Amino acid sequence: MELIPWRPFGDFDSFRREMDSVWERFMGEKPFGLRPREEWSPSVDISETKDSIVVKAELPGTDAKDIDVSITGNVLTIKGEKKEEQEEKDEHRHYVGRYYGTFRRSFQLPADVKTDKIDAAFEKGVLKITLPKTEQAKKKEIQIKVK
């Protein structure tokens, strides 16, 4: 039998998501049609080739000047801000479904990289970071001799 720690309030984030889901099923949207700013977190894909690690982050509506990319050790950090569009003078919002505000994502890289050779490009709302691996981090293939 496995022991499970007792949490009187459980996982609060999962509880909040479940309550949001219940609300959306009955009311069709989150309370008051607004989403809290702290929910904003860009979607990210991380892939690896023989020579590099590639990180792609979706940041639609964000200006390149509002994005910072840094690396410390083997931790890559992407942070920035997506600024909210100003409401027009005669505009009344009924629903706000897009996210705005600051964001920060950090990732432990699966291999050592050449920090002086990192390349970042921002096109069509997608940030693509190419991190070349060090020679030691590249996988070496060993041929097996069959006798």
Foldseek 3Di string as FASTA:
>chain_A
DDDDDDDPCPDVVVVVVVVQVVCCVVPVHGVQQDDDQVVDEWDKDWDDDLWWIKIKTFAPQDDPVQWDWDDDFQKIKIKGWRADDDADPPDDDRHDDDHTTIYMDMDRHPAAFDVVPWDWDADPRMIMIITTGDPVRRDDDDDDDDD
